[in-house]
Protein backbone atom coordinates (compact mmCIF):
# COMPACT_ATOMS: atom_id res chain seq x y z
CA MET A 1 -23.79 -26.67 31.65
CA SER A 2 -20.11 -25.74 32.45
CA LYS A 3 -19.57 -22.24 33.79
CA LEU A 4 -18.47 -19.58 31.48
CA ALA A 5 -15.18 -17.80 32.00
CA LEU A 6 -14.64 -14.28 32.16
CA HIS A 7 -12.70 -14.08 28.98
CA GLU A 8 -15.46 -15.85 27.12
CA LEU A 9 -18.16 -13.24 28.20
CA ASN A 10 -15.81 -10.27 27.27
CA ALA A 11 -15.11 -12.03 23.80
CA LEU A 12 -18.82 -11.85 23.29
CA LEU A 13 -19.13 -8.27 24.13
CA ALA A 14 -16.07 -7.65 21.82
CA VAL A 15 -17.51 -9.28 18.70
CA ALA A 16 -20.94 -7.34 19.43
CA ALA A 17 -19.29 -4.15 19.63
CA HIS A 18 -17.03 -4.61 16.43
CA ARG A 19 -19.68 -6.68 14.64
CA SER A 20 -16.71 -8.50 13.08
CA PHE A 21 -14.49 -11.45 14.31
CA ARG A 22 -11.34 -10.01 12.85
CA ALA A 23 -11.73 -6.59 14.29
CA ALA A 24 -12.76 -8.15 17.77
CA ALA A 25 -9.69 -10.56 17.60
CA ALA A 26 -7.28 -7.66 16.78
CA ASP A 27 -8.89 -5.94 19.77
CA LEU A 28 -8.35 -8.74 22.08
CA GLY A 29 -5.16 -9.84 20.81
CA VAL A 30 -6.06 -13.29 19.69
CA SER A 31 -6.50 -14.97 16.35
CA PRO A 32 -9.96 -14.62 14.55
CA SER A 33 -10.23 -18.73 14.39
CA SER A 34 -9.46 -19.17 17.89
CA LEU A 35 -12.26 -16.34 18.62
CA SER A 36 -14.67 -17.93 16.48
CA HIS A 37 -14.14 -21.41 18.14
CA ALA A 38 -14.51 -19.78 21.62
CA VAL A 39 -17.74 -18.07 20.56
CA ALA A 40 -19.15 -21.17 18.78
CA GLY A 41 -18.23 -23.27 22.06
CA VAL A 42 -20.12 -20.72 24.18
CA GLU A 43 -23.25 -21.04 21.86
CA SER A 44 -22.91 -24.73 21.90
CA ARG A 45 -22.81 -25.02 25.81
CA LEU A 46 -25.60 -22.41 26.24
CA GLY A 47 -27.63 -24.34 23.51
CA VAL A 48 -28.64 -20.84 21.67
CA ARG A 49 -27.32 -19.13 18.74
CA LEU A 50 -26.07 -15.73 19.91
CA PHE A 51 -24.73 -14.18 16.76
CA ASN A 52 -25.78 -14.41 13.06
CA ARG A 53 -22.85 -14.92 10.74
CA THR A 54 -22.49 -14.10 7.06
CA THR A 55 -19.34 -13.53 4.68
CA ARG A 56 -19.68 -9.87 5.32
CA SER A 57 -21.31 -9.29 8.72
CA VAL A 58 -21.87 -10.23 12.14
CA SER A 59 -25.03 -9.33 14.18
CA THR A 60 -26.50 -10.32 17.38
CA THR A 61 -29.75 -12.65 17.64
CA GLN A 62 -32.54 -11.61 19.60
CA ALA A 63 -31.27 -14.21 22.23
CA GLY A 64 -27.75 -12.71 21.91
CA GLU A 65 -28.78 -9.38 22.56
CA SER A 66 -30.85 -10.08 25.72
CA PHE A 67 -28.06 -12.21 27.00
CA LEU A 68 -25.36 -9.45 26.50
CA ALA A 69 -27.83 -6.77 27.81
CA ARG A 70 -27.72 -8.65 31.11
CA ILE A 71 -24.00 -9.43 31.32
CA ARG A 72 -22.72 -5.91 30.44
CA PRO A 73 -23.72 -4.25 33.69
CA ALA A 74 -22.25 -7.36 35.75
CA LEU A 75 -18.65 -7.14 33.75
CA ARG A 76 -18.75 -3.26 34.31
CA GLU A 77 -19.05 -3.83 37.89
CA ILE A 78 -16.14 -6.29 37.80
CA ALA A 79 -13.98 -3.95 35.62
CA ASP A 80 -14.87 -1.04 38.17
CA ALA A 81 -14.07 -3.42 41.01
CA VAL A 82 -10.61 -4.06 39.59
CA GLU A 83 -10.21 -0.41 39.02
CA THR A 84 -10.92 0.37 42.70
CA VAL A 85 -8.10 -1.53 43.67
CA ASN A 86 -5.94 0.04 41.05
CA ARG A 87 -6.62 3.24 42.66
CA PHE A 88 -4.54 2.22 45.69
CA ARG A 89 -1.51 1.85 43.47
CA ASP A 90 1.26 4.42 43.53
CA THR A 91 0.85 4.73 39.72
CA PRO A 92 -1.82 3.77 37.28
CA ALA A 93 -1.63 0.72 35.46
CA GLY A 94 -3.84 -1.10 32.86
CA LEU A 95 -5.33 -0.58 29.44
CA LEU A 96 -6.76 2.82 28.30
CA ARG A 97 -8.89 2.56 25.30
CA LEU A 98 -9.46 5.53 23.21
CA ASN A 99 -11.73 6.14 20.07
CA THR A 100 -11.42 8.70 17.49
CA SER A 101 -11.05 9.76 13.81
CA GLU A 102 -8.12 9.23 11.70
CA GLY A 103 -7.37 12.85 11.78
CA GLY A 104 -7.87 12.85 15.60
CA ALA A 105 -5.37 9.94 15.92
CA GLU A 106 -2.70 11.63 14.10
CA ARG A 107 -3.07 14.76 16.25
CA VAL A 108 -3.32 13.10 19.61
CA LEU A 109 -0.50 10.46 18.90
CA PRO A 110 2.34 12.85 20.33
CA VAL A 111 0.15 13.20 23.44
CA VAL A 112 -0.28 9.65 23.83
CA LEU A 113 3.40 8.72 23.17
CA ASP A 114 4.54 11.27 25.95
CA PHE A 115 1.90 9.94 28.36
CA LEU A 116 3.23 6.32 27.88
CA ALA A 117 6.69 7.52 28.32
CA GLY A 118 5.87 8.97 31.82
CA HIS A 119 3.33 6.03 32.84
CA PRO A 120 5.49 2.72 32.06
CA ASP A 121 2.61 0.42 33.58
CA MET A 122 -0.12 1.84 31.28
CA ARG A 123 -1.17 0.65 27.88
CA VAL A 124 -2.99 2.48 25.24
CA ASP A 125 -5.30 1.18 22.60
CA LEU A 126 -5.95 4.11 20.11
CA VAL A 127 -8.76 2.94 17.83
CA SER A 128 -9.52 5.24 14.70
CA GLU A 129 -12.65 5.01 12.67
CA GLY A 130 -15.00 7.46 10.90
CA ARG A 131 -18.17 6.94 12.33
CA LEU A 132 -19.14 8.43 15.63
CA ILE A 133 -19.79 5.90 18.11
CA ASP A 134 -21.39 5.23 21.77
CA ILE A 135 -18.00 4.84 23.39
CA VAL A 136 -19.83 3.55 26.71
CA ALA A 137 -21.68 0.68 24.73
CA ALA A 138 -18.50 0.02 22.69
CA GLY A 139 -16.39 -0.39 25.73
CA PHE A 140 -14.14 2.64 25.35
CA ASP A 141 -12.74 4.72 28.19
CA ALA A 142 -12.82 7.91 26.45
CA GLY A 143 -13.28 9.53 22.99
CA LEU A 144 -11.48 12.19 20.86
CA ARG A 145 -13.68 14.36 18.43
CA LEU A 146 -14.38 18.00 17.42
CA ALA A 147 -15.84 19.68 20.07
CA GLU A 148 -19.20 20.17 18.01
CA ALA A 149 -19.41 16.21 17.52
CA VAL A 150 -19.14 15.66 21.53
CA PRO A 151 -22.51 14.28 22.92
CA GLN A 152 -23.92 16.51 25.47
CA ASP A 153 -24.16 13.94 28.25
CA MET A 154 -20.12 13.79 28.25
CA VAL A 155 -17.42 15.92 29.97
CA ALA A 156 -15.19 17.32 27.33
CA VAL A 157 -11.73 18.43 27.92
CA PRO A 158 -10.22 20.61 25.07
CA LEU A 159 -6.86 19.63 23.60
CA GLY A 160 -6.09 23.37 23.42
CA SER A 161 -5.61 24.06 19.62
CA GLU A 162 -8.40 25.56 17.44
CA GLU A 163 -9.14 24.28 14.05
CA GLU A 164 -9.88 26.01 10.66
CA PHE A 165 -11.27 24.95 7.20
CA ALA A 166 -9.72 26.64 4.23
CA VAL A 167 -10.70 26.76 0.51
CA VAL A 168 -7.68 26.15 -1.60
CA GLY A 169 -6.85 25.97 -5.15
CA ALA A 170 -3.70 25.82 -7.29
CA PRO A 171 -2.35 28.90 -8.87
CA GLY A 172 -2.68 27.34 -12.37
CA TYR A 173 -6.39 26.73 -11.64
CA PHE A 174 -7.08 30.55 -11.12
CA GLU A 175 -5.57 31.60 -14.40
CA GLY A 176 -8.30 33.39 -16.43
CA ARG A 177 -10.58 32.89 -13.38
CA ALA A 178 -11.68 35.53 -10.85
CA ARG A 179 -11.04 34.42 -7.42
CA PRO A 180 -14.06 34.15 -5.22
CA ARG A 181 -14.64 36.94 -2.70
CA ALA A 182 -17.85 35.75 -1.26
CA PRO A 183 -19.20 32.05 -0.80
CA ALA A 184 -21.98 32.70 -3.56
CA ASP A 185 -19.04 33.19 -6.00
CA LEU A 186 -18.40 29.32 -5.52
CA LEU A 187 -21.26 28.96 -7.96
CA GLY A 188 -19.02 29.85 -10.85
CA HIS A 189 -16.27 27.53 -9.93
CA GLU A 190 -15.35 24.00 -10.06
CA CYS A 191 -15.66 22.61 -6.58
CA ILE A 192 -14.23 19.34 -5.51
CA ARG A 193 -16.56 17.59 -2.94
CA ALA A 194 -15.49 15.37 -0.39
CA ARG A 195 -17.58 12.41 1.24
CA LEU A 196 -17.29 11.89 4.94
CA PRO A 197 -16.88 8.65 6.53
CA SER A 198 -20.33 8.35 7.24
CA GLY A 199 -21.06 8.48 3.42
CA VAL A 200 -22.50 11.97 3.50
CA VAL A 201 -20.93 14.57 1.28
CA GLN A 202 -19.68 17.47 3.37
CA ARG A 203 -21.17 20.76 3.08
CA TRP A 204 -19.15 23.87 2.97
CA GLU A 205 -19.94 26.21 5.98
CA PHE A 206 -18.76 29.85 6.16
CA GLU A 207 -19.14 32.46 8.67
CA ARG A 208 -18.49 36.16 8.93
CA PHE A 209 -19.90 38.99 11.10
CA GLY A 210 -22.18 36.58 12.69
CA GLU A 211 -23.78 35.30 9.16
CA GLU A 212 -23.52 31.91 8.47
CA ILE A 213 -23.73 30.10 5.19
CA ARG A 214 -23.77 26.71 4.42
CA LEU A 215 -23.47 25.36 0.69
CA ASP A 216 -23.59 22.00 -0.95
CA PRO A 217 -21.64 23.40 -4.19
CA ALA A 218 -21.90 21.68 -7.44
CA GLY A 219 -18.79 19.88 -8.66
CA ARG A 220 -18.23 17.23 -11.05
CA LEU A 221 -15.76 15.46 -8.95
CA THR A 222 -16.79 13.92 -5.75
CA LEU A 223 -13.95 12.11 -3.74
CA GLY A 224 -13.82 9.73 -0.74
CA SER A 225 -11.55 11.84 1.65
CA HIS A 226 -10.14 15.19 2.24
CA ALA A 227 -6.82 13.96 1.32
CA LEU A 228 -7.76 12.88 -2.16
CA ALA A 229 -9.63 16.37 -2.37
CA LEU A 230 -6.48 18.28 -1.53
CA ARG A 231 -4.49 16.03 -3.88
CA ALA A 232 -7.06 16.83 -6.73
CA ALA A 233 -6.89 20.72 -5.90
CA ARG A 234 -3.15 20.48 -5.97
CA ALA A 235 -3.52 19.07 -9.41
CA GLY A 236 -5.73 22.02 -10.67
CA ALA A 237 -8.94 20.23 -10.86
CA GLY A 238 -10.67 22.83 -8.98
CA LEU A 239 -11.33 24.05 -5.32
CA ALA A 240 -11.38 21.97 -2.24
CA TYR A 241 -12.73 22.82 1.32
CA VAL A 242 -10.11 21.20 3.41
CA SER A 243 -8.59 21.50 7.01
CA ARG A 244 -6.00 24.50 6.81
CA ARG A 245 -3.84 22.30 8.99
CA ALA A 246 -3.68 19.55 6.13
CA ALA A 247 -3.02 22.33 3.36
CA GLU A 248 -0.41 24.45 5.39
CA GLU A 249 2.74 22.80 3.72
CA ASP A 250 1.17 23.32 0.25
CA LEU A 251 0.33 26.90 1.13
CA ALA A 252 3.55 27.70 2.31
CA ALA A 253 5.28 26.36 -0.68
CA GLY A 254 2.86 27.98 -3.14
CA ARG A 255 1.44 24.72 -4.46
CA LEU A 256 -1.96 26.15 -3.35
CA VAL A 257 -3.51 29.40 -2.76
CA ARG A 258 -6.12 30.03 -0.22
CA VAL A 259 -9.33 32.18 -0.87
CA LEU A 260 -12.44 33.30 1.25
CA ALA A 261 -9.98 33.19 4.41
CA GLU A 262 -12.08 35.89 6.14
CA TRP A 263 -15.32 33.52 5.58
CA THR A 264 -13.50 30.42 7.45
CA PRO A 265 -12.65 31.56 11.05
CA PRO A 266 -11.10 29.13 13.52
CA PHE A 267 -13.47 26.95 15.55
CA ALA A 268 -13.16 24.90 18.79
CA GLY A 269 -10.82 21.78 18.10
CA LEU A 270 -10.28 18.41 19.30
CA CYS A 271 -11.69 17.42 22.65
CA LEU A 272 -11.14 14.43 24.90
CA TYR A 273 -14.51 13.35 26.20
CA TYR A 274 -15.74 10.68 28.80
CA PRO A 275 -18.95 9.79 30.42
CA ARG A 276 -20.25 12.23 32.83
CA GLN A 277 -21.98 9.80 35.14
CA ARG A 278 -19.03 7.47 35.64
CA LEU A 279 -16.16 7.90 37.82
CA PRO A 280 -13.05 7.90 35.65
CA SER A 281 -10.64 5.14 36.17
CA ALA A 282 -6.97 5.95 37.53
CA GLY A 283 -5.43 5.40 34.12
CA LEU A 284 -7.99 7.90 32.50
CA ARG A 285 -7.57 10.42 35.20
CA ALA A 286 -3.89 10.37 34.60
CA PHE A 287 -4.33 10.83 30.75
CA ILE A 288 -6.84 13.70 31.49
CA ASP A 289 -4.29 15.51 33.78
CA HIS A 290 -1.64 14.74 30.94
CA VAL A 291 -3.91 16.34 28.26
CA ARG A 292 -4.46 19.36 30.49
CA ALA A 293 -0.91 19.89 31.22
CA ALA A 294 0.05 19.56 27.59
CA ARG A 295 -2.58 22.19 26.81
CA ARG A 296 -0.90 24.49 29.20
CA ARG A 297 2.36 24.12 27.71
């Protein structure tokens, strides 16, 4: 059997992490067809099928999972060795892979652009997806999520700004209706429900004077995102529970009215997080310092 090249092994890990040839190819910067041929070539030389392929999904076989479990630590050691050499450079260089949500990507993008402007030898791959993943297993250097979603075994660095939810409705919606003064009053209102990327319908959470209330309000309309819920509220379809930041322009322009503000206090916002047990790369250390400096500013 001919030797397997390092780029071929990294290709196998990318396919396993993304469970998709198309997504893995985009990550690696190659075409899906060339990646598929490369993986098929490795399987042919090994004489074992590593992946089960269907038209809709890709999954590892038992042999594939066993093989990948053995090569992951070795490839990490190689990456760490390269990073050790990189630390002797005057300026950090290389690729920084970050995983976050779509909302998190929008929030952190200005920080990333400012970081790249000051570090010309660095590259950043900012991947946004709804589900919370294991950033170590998926090959990411760090993640960006709300503080409450950061795994406990990670080091978290706050980006500095708090977040806040808001219950909003159009002025026309309140014509002939009493505005809710307590969460229980929502039972008499049309509530627009939003489905999270995980597929779960979001509960509405409230807090005041130490009292916490979580509701799954009844509503005739359930939508697939907060953006759609906000749009429906703007159209007068009912009340929506959304990020205050997302509703800010509509509130300022009078297109939406906020209620129950005293029941939706600010909470800890977006955090950069990375593995506690692993020494950060030079690029990640530089980005952490940049985030902290941006927070102070």
